[in-house]
Amino acid sequence: MDTNGFDDKLLKHFLNPQNIGVIINNDAYARVQNPVNGYTTDLYLKIQDNNITDVRFKTYGCTVTIAAGSAMTLILKNLDLDEFLTGKEPISYLEKQLMKEIGEVPEKNWHCVPTIIKAVLLALESYFQRSKNKKYVPQIEKWIQQINNEVEKKLHG
């Protein structure tokens, strides 16, 4: 950790964010608003054969929001959606991968992590809602609600 309380890995993503931008002909898109500070993040996915082939993000956000968005794009690129969505605890998987990529997040910025994970789930929900294969939609909706409940609980006790 440096003197600002940010992990060096987190600062590396903040200072040199990866995959910023828009995918015009995206297969999945989500916009999330952080419930604590109102920052918004847009996430764009290109998917082929149930594999994420490209990821881009845009955000109006703080240091952690930018770093988390950047790191998440690296985590998602080449992700096999069938393996991910049928694997054990996909939310925990994303959180663990994110922590590996950016290190510790200061407690005051805890809300940035569930926000970027929710963006991933909302984008995947949009993808499967538009596809002929809606089998993952009910489970993704449960995970989104789980994140909403956890954030509400932390915000309001």
N, C-alpha and C. Protein backbone atom coordinates (compact mmCIF):
# COMPACT_ATOMS: atom_id res chain seq x y z
N MET A 1 0.84 -1.19 0.00
CA MET A 1 0.00 0.00 0.00
C MET A 1 0.88 1.25 0.00
N ASP A 2 0.43 2.24 -0.76
CA ASP A 2 1.17 3.48 -0.75
C ASP A 2 0.57 4.42 0.30
N THR A 3 1.04 5.65 0.33
CA THR A 3 0.58 6.58 1.37
C THR A 3 -0.88 6.99 1.21
N ASN A 4 -1.45 6.83 0.01
CA ASN A 4 -2.86 7.18 -0.18
C ASN A 4 -3.79 6.05 0.20
N GLY A 5 -3.24 4.92 0.62
CA GLY A 5 -4.07 3.79 1.01
C GLY A 5 -4.45 2.90 -0.15
N PHE A 6 -3.88 3.14 -1.33
CA PHE A 6 -4.17 2.31 -2.49
C PHE A 6 -3.03 1.35 -2.77
N ASP A 7 -3.40 0.12 -3.08
CA ASP A 7 -2.44 -0.91 -3.46
C ASP A 7 -1.73 -0.49 -4.74
N ASP A 8 -0.46 -0.83 -4.87
CA ASP A 8 0.30 -0.49 -6.08
C ASP A 8 -0.33 -1.08 -7.33
N LYS A 9 -0.90 -2.29 -7.22
CA LYS A 9 -1.54 -2.92 -8.38
C LYS A 9 -2.77 -2.13 -8.80
N LEU A 10 -3.52 -1.63 -7.82
CA LEU A 10 -4.69 -0.81 -8.10
C LEU A 10 -4.27 0.48 -8.81
N LEU A 11 -3.23 1.12 -8.30
CA LEU A 11 -2.76 2.36 -8.91
C LEU A 11 -2.25 2.15 -10.32
N LYS A 12 -1.65 1.00 -10.56
CA LYS A 12 -1.17 0.68 -11.91
C LYS A 12 -2.35 0.68 -12.90
N HIS A 13 -3.46 0.08 -12.51
CA HIS A 13 -4.66 0.07 -13.37
C HIS A 13 -5.26 1.46 -13.50
N PHE A 14 -5.24 2.22 -12.42
CA PHE A 14 -5.79 3.57 -12.46
C PHE A 14 -4.97 4.48 -13.39
N LEU A 15 -3.67 4.38 -13.27
CA LEU A 15 -2.80 5.25 -14.05
C LEU A 15 -2.67 4.83 -15.52
N ASN A 16 -2.91 3.55 -15.79
CA ASN A 16 -2.81 3.03 -17.15
C ASN A 16 -3.97 2.07 -17.41
N PRO A 17 -5.20 2.59 -17.40
CA PRO A 17 -6.36 1.71 -17.55
C PRO A 17 -6.38 1.01 -18.91
N GLN A 18 -6.81 -0.22 -18.88
CA GLN A 18 -6.87 -1.06 -20.08
C GLN A 18 -8.28 -1.08 -20.64
N ASN A 19 -8.39 -1.22 -21.95
CA ASN A 19 -9.67 -1.48 -22.63
C ASN A 19 -10.73 -0.43 -22.40
N ILE A 20 -10.33 0.82 -22.42
CA ILE A 20 -11.30 1.91 -22.32
C ILE A 20 -11.92 2.12 -23.69
N GLY A 21 -13.21 2.35 -23.70
CA GLY A 21 -13.86 2.67 -24.96
C GLY A 21 -15.21 2.00 -25.09
N VAL A 22 -15.68 1.98 -26.32
CA VAL A 22 -17.01 1.48 -26.65
C VAL A 22 -16.87 0.41 -27.72
N ILE A 23 -17.68 -0.61 -27.65
CA ILE A 23 -17.81 -1.57 -28.75
C ILE A 23 -19.15 -1.25 -29.41
N ILE A 24 -19.08 -0.67 -30.59
CA ILE A 24 -20.30 -0.21 -31.27
C ILE A 24 -21.25 -1.38 -31.54
N ASN A 25 -20.78 -2.43 -32.16
CA ASN A 25 -21.61 -3.60 -32.46
C ASN A 25 -21.47 -4.64 -31.36
N ASN A 26 -21.76 -4.22 -30.13
CA ASN A 26 -21.59 -5.12 -28.98
C ASN A 26 -22.69 -6.17 -28.95
N ASP A 27 -22.38 -7.25 -28.26
CA ASP A 27 -23.37 -8.31 -28.03
C ASP A 27 -24.00 -8.19 -26.66
N ALA A 28 -23.36 -7.43 -25.79
CA ALA A 28 -23.88 -7.24 -24.44
C ALA A 28 -23.43 -5.87 -23.94
N TYR A 29 -24.32 -5.23 -23.21
CA TYR A 29 -24.03 -3.89 -22.68
C TYR A 29 -24.74 -3.73 -21.34
N ALA A 30 -24.09 -3.01 -20.44
CA ALA A 30 -24.74 -2.65 -19.18
C ALA A 30 -24.23 -1.31 -18.72
N ARG A 31 -25.11 -0.58 -18.08
CA ARG A 31 -24.72 0.65 -17.38
C ARG A 31 -25.13 0.47 -15.93
N VAL A 32 -24.18 0.70 -15.04
CA VAL A 32 -24.49 0.63 -13.61
C VAL A 32 -24.16 1.96 -12.96
N GLN A 33 -24.91 2.24 -11.93
CA GLN A 33 -24.64 3.43 -11.14
C GLN A 33 -24.27 2.98 -9.74
N ASN A 34 -23.15 3.46 -9.27
CA ASN A 34 -22.71 3.12 -7.92
C ASN A 34 -23.70 3.71 -6.93
N PRO A 35 -24.23 2.89 -6.00
CA PRO A 35 -25.26 3.36 -5.07
C PRO A 35 -24.75 4.34 -4.02
N VAL A 36 -23.44 4.41 -3.85
CA VAL A 36 -22.89 5.29 -2.82
C VAL A 36 -22.56 6.67 -3.37
N ASN A 37 -21.87 6.71 -4.52
CA ASN A 37 -21.40 8.00 -5.02
C ASN A 37 -22.03 8.41 -6.36
N GLY A 38 -22.85 7.55 -6.94
CA GLY A 38 -23.54 7.89 -8.18
C GLY A 38 -22.70 7.77 -9.44
N TYR A 39 -21.44 7.36 -9.32
CA TYR A 39 -20.61 7.19 -10.50
C TYR A 39 -21.21 6.13 -11.41
N THR A 40 -21.07 6.33 -12.71
CA THR A 40 -21.61 5.36 -13.66
C THR A 40 -20.48 4.66 -14.41
N THR A 41 -20.74 3.41 -14.73
CA THR A 41 -19.82 2.62 -15.53
C THR A 41 -20.61 1.92 -16.62
N ASP A 42 -20.11 2.00 -17.84
CA ASP A 42 -20.67 1.29 -18.98
C ASP A 42 -19.72 0.15 -19.32
N LEU A 43 -20.30 -1.03 -19.55
CA LEU A 43 -19.50 -2.21 -19.90
C LEU A 43 -20.04 -2.78 -21.19
N TYR A 44 -19.14 -3.05 -22.14
CA TYR A 44 -19.48 -3.57 -23.46
C TYR A 44 -18.77 -4.89 -23.68
N LEU A 45 -19.50 -5.89 -24.17
CA LEU A 45 -18.92 -7.20 -24.43
C LEU A 45 -19.17 -7.61 -25.88
N LYS A 46 -18.20 -8.25 -26.45
CA LYS A 46 -18.35 -8.92 -27.74
C LYS A 46 -18.23 -10.41 -27.42
N ILE A 47 -19.20 -11.18 -27.86
CA ILE A 47 -19.27 -12.61 -27.50
C ILE A 47 -19.40 -13.43 -28.77
N GLN A 48 -18.60 -14.47 -28.85
CA GLN A 48 -18.68 -15.39 -29.98
C GLN A 48 -18.55 -16.81 -29.45
N ASP A 49 -19.47 -17.68 -29.84
CA ASP A 49 -19.47 -19.07 -29.38
C ASP A 49 -19.40 -19.17 -27.85
N ASN A 50 -20.18 -18.33 -27.18
CA ASN A 50 -20.24 -18.28 -25.71
C ASN A 50 -18.89 -17.98 -25.06
N ASN A 51 -18.07 -17.25 -25.77
CA ASN A 51 -16.76 -16.84 -25.27
C ASN A 51 -16.65 -15.32 -25.43
N ILE A 52 -16.23 -14.64 -24.38
CA ILE A 52 -16.07 -13.18 -24.47
C ILE A 52 -14.79 -12.90 -25.24
N THR A 53 -14.94 -12.30 -26.40
CA THR A 53 -13.79 -12.06 -27.27
C THR A 53 -13.24 -10.65 -27.15
N ASP A 54 -14.07 -9.72 -26.68
CA ASP A 54 -13.60 -8.35 -26.50
C ASP A 54 -14.42 -7.70 -25.39
N VAL A 55 -13.78 -6.80 -24.66
CA VAL A 55 -14.40 -6.11 -23.53
C VAL A 55 -13.90 -4.67 -23.54
N ARG A 56 -14.81 -3.75 -23.32
CA ARG A 56 -14.45 -2.33 -23.18
C ARG A 56 -15.31 -1.74 -22.07
N PHE A 57 -14.79 -0.67 -21.46
CA PHE A 57 -15.57 0.02 -20.44
C PHE A 57 -15.33 1.52 -20.52
N LYS A 58 -16.32 2.25 -20.06
CA LYS A 58 -16.22 3.70 -19.86
C LYS A 58 -16.75 3.97 -18.48
N THR A 59 -16.17 4.93 -17.82
CA THR A 59 -16.68 5.25 -16.49
C THR A 59 -16.46 6.71 -16.16
N TYR A 60 -17.35 7.20 -15.35
CA TYR A 60 -17.14 8.45 -14.65
C TYR A 60 -17.02 7.98 -13.22
N GLY A 61 -15.79 7.94 -12.72
CA GLY A 61 -15.62 7.38 -11.39
C GLY A 61 -14.31 7.74 -10.73
N CYS A 62 -14.16 7.21 -9.55
CA CYS A 62 -13.00 7.46 -8.71
C CYS A 62 -11.84 6.52 -9.09
N THR A 63 -10.77 6.62 -8.36
CA THR A 63 -9.58 5.80 -8.58
C THR A 63 -9.93 4.32 -8.59
N VAL A 64 -10.68 3.86 -7.61
CA VAL A 64 -11.00 2.44 -7.50
C VAL A 64 -11.97 2.02 -8.61
N THR A 65 -12.92 2.86 -8.95
CA THR A 65 -13.87 2.54 -10.02
C THR A 65 -13.13 2.34 -11.34
N ILE A 66 -12.22 3.22 -11.65
CA ILE A 66 -11.44 3.12 -12.89
C ILE A 66 -10.57 1.87 -12.86
N ALA A 67 -9.88 1.65 -11.77
CA ALA A 67 -8.99 0.47 -11.66
C ALA A 67 -9.79 -0.82 -11.74
N ALA A 68 -10.94 -0.87 -11.07
CA ALA A 68 -11.76 -2.09 -11.09
C ALA A 68 -12.31 -2.35 -12.49
N GLY A 69 -12.72 -1.31 -13.19
CA GLY A 69 -13.20 -1.48 -14.56
C GLY A 69 -12.11 -2.01 -15.47
N SER A 70 -10.93 -1.44 -15.36
CA SER A 70 -9.80 -1.88 -16.16
C SER A 70 -9.46 -3.34 -15.88
N ALA A 71 -9.34 -3.67 -14.61
CA ALA A 71 -9.00 -5.04 -14.22
C ALA A 71 -10.06 -6.03 -14.67
N MET A 72 -11.32 -5.65 -14.54
CA MET A 72 -12.40 -6.56 -14.91
C MET A 72 -12.35 -6.88 -16.40
N THR A 73 -11.96 -5.93 -17.22
CA THR A 73 -11.88 -6.22 -18.66
C THR A 73 -10.86 -7.32 -18.93
N LEU A 74 -9.76 -7.32 -18.19
CA LEU A 74 -8.74 -8.35 -18.37
C LEU A 74 -9.24 -9.71 -17.89
N ILE A 75 -10.01 -9.71 -16.82
CA ILE A 75 -10.56 -10.94 -16.26
C ILE A 75 -11.57 -11.56 -17.23
N LEU A 76 -12.36 -10.72 -17.87
CA LEU A 76 -13.44 -11.22 -18.72
C LEU A 76 -12.98 -11.66 -20.11
N LYS A 77 -11.92 -11.07 -20.60
CA LYS A 77 -11.48 -11.39 -21.96
C LYS A 77 -11.15 -12.87 -22.07
N ASN A 78 -11.75 -13.52 -23.04
CA ASN A 78 -11.60 -14.96 -23.32
C ASN A 78 -12.29 -15.85 -22.30
N LEU A 79 -13.17 -15.29 -21.48
CA LEU A 79 -13.91 -16.08 -20.50
C LEU A 79 -14.95 -16.95 -21.20
N ASP A 80 -14.95 -18.22 -20.88
CA ASP A 80 -15.95 -19.16 -21.40
C ASP A 80 -17.21 -19.01 -20.54
N LEU A 81 -18.27 -18.55 -21.14
CA LEU A 81 -19.49 -18.25 -20.37
C LEU A 81 -20.14 -19.49 -19.78
N ASP A 82 -20.13 -20.60 -20.51
CA ASP A 82 -20.71 -21.83 -19.96
C ASP A 82 -19.95 -22.28 -18.71
N GLU A 83 -18.63 -22.27 -18.79
CA GLU A 83 -17.83 -22.66 -17.61
C GLU A 83 -18.06 -21.70 -16.46
N PHE A 84 -18.06 -20.42 -16.76
CA PHE A 84 -18.23 -19.41 -15.73
C PHE A 84 -19.60 -19.50 -15.06
N LEU A 85 -20.65 -19.59 -15.86
CA LEU A 85 -22.00 -19.55 -15.32
C LEU A 85 -22.44 -20.85 -14.66
N THR A 86 -21.78 -21.95 -14.98
CA THR A 86 -22.10 -23.21 -14.33
C THR A 86 -21.07 -23.57 -13.26
N GLY A 87 -20.06 -22.73 -13.11
CA GLY A 87 -19.02 -22.98 -12.11
C GLY A 87 -19.50 -22.67 -10.72
N LYS A 88 -18.63 -22.94 -9.77
CA LYS A 88 -18.98 -22.72 -8.37
C LYS A 88 -18.84 -21.23 -8.03
N GLU A 89 -19.92 -20.65 -7.56
CA GLU A 89 -19.95 -19.28 -7.05
C GLU A 89 -19.30 -18.25 -7.97
N PRO A 90 -19.95 -17.94 -9.09
CA PRO A 90 -19.40 -16.97 -10.04
C PRO A 90 -19.13 -15.58 -9.45
N ILE A 91 -19.97 -15.14 -8.52
CA ILE A 91 -19.72 -13.82 -7.90
C ILE A 91 -18.41 -13.85 -7.13
N SER A 92 -18.21 -14.89 -6.34
CA SER A 92 -16.96 -15.01 -5.58
C SER A 92 -15.76 -15.14 -6.51
N TYR A 93 -15.95 -15.86 -7.60
CA TYR A 93 -14.87 -16.01 -8.59
C TYR A 93 -14.45 -14.64 -9.10
N LEU A 94 -15.41 -13.82 -9.52
CA LEU A 94 -15.07 -12.50 -10.05
C LEU A 94 -14.41 -11.64 -8.98
N GLU A 95 -14.93 -11.70 -7.78
CA GLU A 95 -14.35 -10.91 -6.69
C GLU A 95 -12.91 -11.33 -6.40
N LYS A 96 -12.66 -12.62 -6.34
CA LYS A 96 -11.29 -13.11 -6.08
C LYS A 96 -10.34 -12.73 -7.21
N GLN A 97 -10.81 -12.87 -8.45
CA GLN A 97 -9.96 -12.50 -9.58
C GLN A 97 -9.67 -10.99 -9.57
N LEU A 98 -10.66 -10.22 -9.21
CA LEU A 98 -10.48 -8.77 -9.14
C LEU A 98 -9.46 -8.40 -8.06
N MET A 99 -9.55 -9.05 -6.91
CA MET A 99 -8.60 -8.76 -5.83
C MET A 99 -7.17 -9.18 -6.22
N LYS A 100 -7.05 -10.27 -6.97
CA LYS A 100 -5.73 -10.66 -7.47
C LYS A 100 -5.17 -9.59 -8.39
N GLU A 101 -6.03 -9.01 -9.18
CA GLU A 101 -5.61 -8.05 -10.20
C GLU A 101 -5.32 -6.66 -9.63
N ILE A 102 -6.10 -6.22 -8.64
CA ILE A 102 -5.91 -4.85 -8.12
C ILE A 102 -5.44 -4.81 -6.67
N GLY A 103 -5.38 -5.94 -6.00
CA GLY A 103 -4.97 -5.94 -4.61
C GLY A 103 -6.09 -5.48 -3.69
N GLU A 104 -5.72 -5.06 -2.51
CA GLU A 104 -6.72 -4.65 -1.53
C GLU A 104 -7.37 -3.33 -1.91
N VAL A 105 -8.64 -3.24 -1.57
CA VAL A 105 -9.41 -2.01 -1.80
C VAL A 105 -9.66 -1.38 -0.43
N PRO A 106 -9.39 -0.08 -0.30
CA PRO A 106 -9.66 0.56 1.00
C PRO A 106 -11.14 0.40 1.39
N GLU A 107 -11.39 0.23 2.66
CA GLU A 107 -12.75 0.01 3.15
C GLU A 107 -13.71 1.09 2.68
N LYS A 108 -13.25 2.33 2.62
CA LYS A 108 -14.14 3.42 2.19
C LYS A 108 -14.60 3.26 0.74
N ASN A 109 -13.92 2.43 -0.03
CA ASN A 109 -14.26 2.20 -1.44
C ASN A 109 -14.85 0.82 -1.69
N TRP A 110 -15.36 0.17 -0.65
CA TRP A 110 -15.87 -1.20 -0.77
C TRP A 110 -16.92 -1.33 -1.87
N HIS A 111 -17.72 -0.31 -2.07
CA HIS A 111 -18.87 -0.34 -2.99
C HIS A 111 -18.46 -0.44 -4.45
N CYS A 112 -17.22 -0.14 -4.78
CA CYS A 112 -16.78 -0.21 -6.17
C CYS A 112 -16.71 -1.64 -6.68
N VAL A 113 -16.40 -2.58 -5.81
CA VAL A 113 -16.27 -3.98 -6.21
C VAL A 113 -17.63 -4.58 -6.60
N PRO A 114 -18.65 -4.53 -5.73
CA PRO A 114 -19.94 -5.09 -6.17
C PRO A 114 -20.53 -4.36 -7.37
N THR A 115 -20.20 -3.09 -7.54
CA THR A 115 -20.74 -2.34 -8.66
C THR A 115 -20.21 -2.87 -9.99
N ILE A 116 -18.91 -3.14 -10.09
CA ILE A 116 -18.37 -3.64 -11.36
C ILE A 116 -18.82 -5.09 -11.59
N ILE A 117 -18.97 -5.86 -10.53
CA ILE A 117 -19.47 -7.24 -10.70
C ILE A 117 -20.92 -7.20 -11.17
N LYS A 118 -21.69 -6.29 -10.64
CA LYS A 118 -23.08 -6.14 -11.09
C LYS A 118 -23.12 -5.74 -12.56
N ALA A 119 -22.20 -4.91 -13.00
CA ALA A 119 -22.15 -4.53 -14.42
C ALA A 119 -21.93 -5.75 -15.30
N VAL A 120 -21.05 -6.64 -14.87
CA VAL A 120 -20.80 -7.88 -15.63
C VAL A 120 -22.08 -8.69 -15.73
N LEU A 121 -22.75 -8.88 -14.60
CA LEU A 121 -23.96 -9.70 -14.59
C LEU A 121 -25.08 -9.07 -15.42
N LEU A 122 -25.23 -7.75 -15.33
CA LEU A 122 -26.25 -7.08 -16.13
C LEU A 122 -25.96 -7.20 -17.63
N ALA A 123 -24.70 -7.09 -17.99
CA ALA A 123 -24.33 -7.25 -19.40
C ALA A 123 -24.63 -8.67 -19.88
N LEU A 124 -24.29 -9.65 -19.06
CA LEU A 124 -24.58 -11.04 -19.44
C LEU A 124 -26.08 -11.29 -19.50
N GLU A 125 -26.81 -10.70 -18.57
CA GLU A 125 -28.26 -10.83 -18.61
C GLU A 125 -28.80 -10.26 -19.92
N SER A 126 -28.30 -9.10 -20.33
CA SER A 126 -28.77 -8.49 -21.58
C SER A 126 -28.45 -9.39 -22.77
N TYR A 127 -27.28 -10.01 -22.74
CA TYR A 127 -26.89 -10.91 -23.82
C TYR A 127 -27.84 -12.11 -23.92
N PHE A 128 -28.07 -12.75 -22.79
CA PHE A 128 -28.92 -13.95 -22.82
C PHE A 128 -30.40 -13.61 -23.02
N GLN A 129 -30.82 -12.43 -22.61
CA GLN A 129 -32.20 -12.01 -22.88
C GLN A 129 -32.43 -11.87 -24.38
N ARG A 130 -31.42 -11.40 -25.10
CA ARG A 130 -31.54 -11.19 -26.54
C ARG A 130 -31.31 -12.47 -27.34
N SER A 131 -30.72 -13.46 -26.72
CA SER A 131 -30.41 -14.70 -27.44
C SER A 131 -31.59 -15.67 -27.38
N LYS A 132 -31.47 -16.71 -28.15
CA LYS A 132 -32.51 -17.76 -28.11
C LYS A 132 -32.38 -18.61 -26.86
N ASN A 133 -31.19 -18.60 -26.27
CA ASN A 133 -30.91 -19.43 -25.11
C ASN A 133 -31.03 -18.59 -23.84
N LYS A 134 -32.17 -18.67 -23.18
CA LYS A 134 -32.43 -17.88 -21.98
C LYS A 134 -32.21 -18.68 -20.69
N LYS A 135 -31.57 -19.84 -20.81
CA LYS A 135 -31.48 -20.72 -19.64
C LYS A 135 -30.72 -20.11 -18.47
N TYR A 136 -29.79 -19.19 -18.74
CA TYR A 136 -29.01 -18.60 -17.65
C TYR A 136 -29.69 -17.38 -17.02
N VAL A 137 -30.69 -16.84 -17.66
CA VAL A 137 -31.30 -15.58 -17.21
C VAL A 137 -31.82 -15.66 -15.77
N PRO A 138 -32.60 -16.67 -15.39
CA PRO A 138 -33.09 -16.69 -14.00
C PRO A 138 -31.97 -16.71 -12.96
N GLN A 139 -30.91 -17.46 -13.22
CA GLN A 139 -29.81 -17.51 -12.26
C GLN A 139 -29.06 -16.19 -12.21
N ILE A 140 -28.83 -15.58 -13.35
CA ILE A 140 -28.15 -14.28 -13.37
C ILE A 140 -28.99 -13.26 -12.61
N GLU A 141 -30.30 -13.28 -12.79
CA GLU A 141 -31.17 -12.36 -12.06
C GLU A 141 -31.08 -12.58 -10.56
N LYS A 142 -30.95 -13.83 -10.12
CA LYS A 142 -30.78 -14.12 -8.69
C LYS A 142 -29.47 -13.54 -8.17
N TRP A 143 -28.40 -13.68 -8.97
CA TRP A 143 -27.11 -13.13 -8.54
C TRP A 143 -27.15 -11.62 -8.46
N ILE A 144 -27.81 -10.98 -9.40
CA ILE A 144 -27.95 -9.52 -9.35
C ILE A 144 -28.69 -9.11 -8.09
N GLN A 145 -29.77 -9.82 -7.78
CA GLN A 145 -30.53 -9.52 -6.55
C GLN A 145 -29.68 -9.77 -5.31
N GLN A 146 -28.87 -10.80 -5.35
CA GLN A 146 -27.97 -11.10 -4.22
C GLN A 146 -27.01 -9.92 -3.98
N ILE A 147 -26.44 -9.40 -5.05
CA ILE A 147 -25.54 -8.25 -4.92
C ILE A 147 -26.32 -7.05 -4.38
N ASN A 148 -27.49 -6.79 -4.94
CA ASN A 148 -28.32 -5.67 -4.46
C ASN A 148 -28.60 -5.80 -2.97
N ASN A 149 -28.96 -7.00 -2.54
CA ASN A 149 -29.27 -7.24 -1.11
C ASN A 149 -28.05 -7.01 -0.24
N GLU A 150 -26.89 -7.50 -0.67
CA GLU A 150 -25.67 -7.34 0.12
C GLU A 150 -25.28 -5.87 0.23
N VAL A 151 -25.42 -5.13 -0.86
CA VAL A 151 -25.09 -3.71 -0.84
C VAL A 151 -26.07 -2.96 0.07
N GLU A 152 -27.36 -3.25 -0.06
CA GLU A 152 -28.36 -2.61 0.80
C GLU A 152 -28.08 -2.88 2.28
N LYS A 153 -27.74 -4.12 2.57
CA LYS A 153 -27.46 -4.51 3.96
C LYS A 153 -26.26 -3.72 4.51
N LYS A 154 -25.23 -3.59 3.68
CA LYS A 154 -24.04 -2.87 4.12
C LYS A 154 -24.34 -1.37 4.26
N LEU A 155 -25.17 -0.85 3.37
CA LEU A 155 -25.50 0.58 3.42
C LEU A 155 -26.42 0.93 4.57
N HIS A 156 -27.40 0.06 4.84
CA HIS A 156 -28.45 0.41 5.80
C HIS A 156 -28.54 -0.52 7.00
N GLY A 157 -27.58 -1.43 7.10
CA GLY A 157 -27.52 -2.32 8.26
C GLY A 157 -28.53 -3.32 8.32
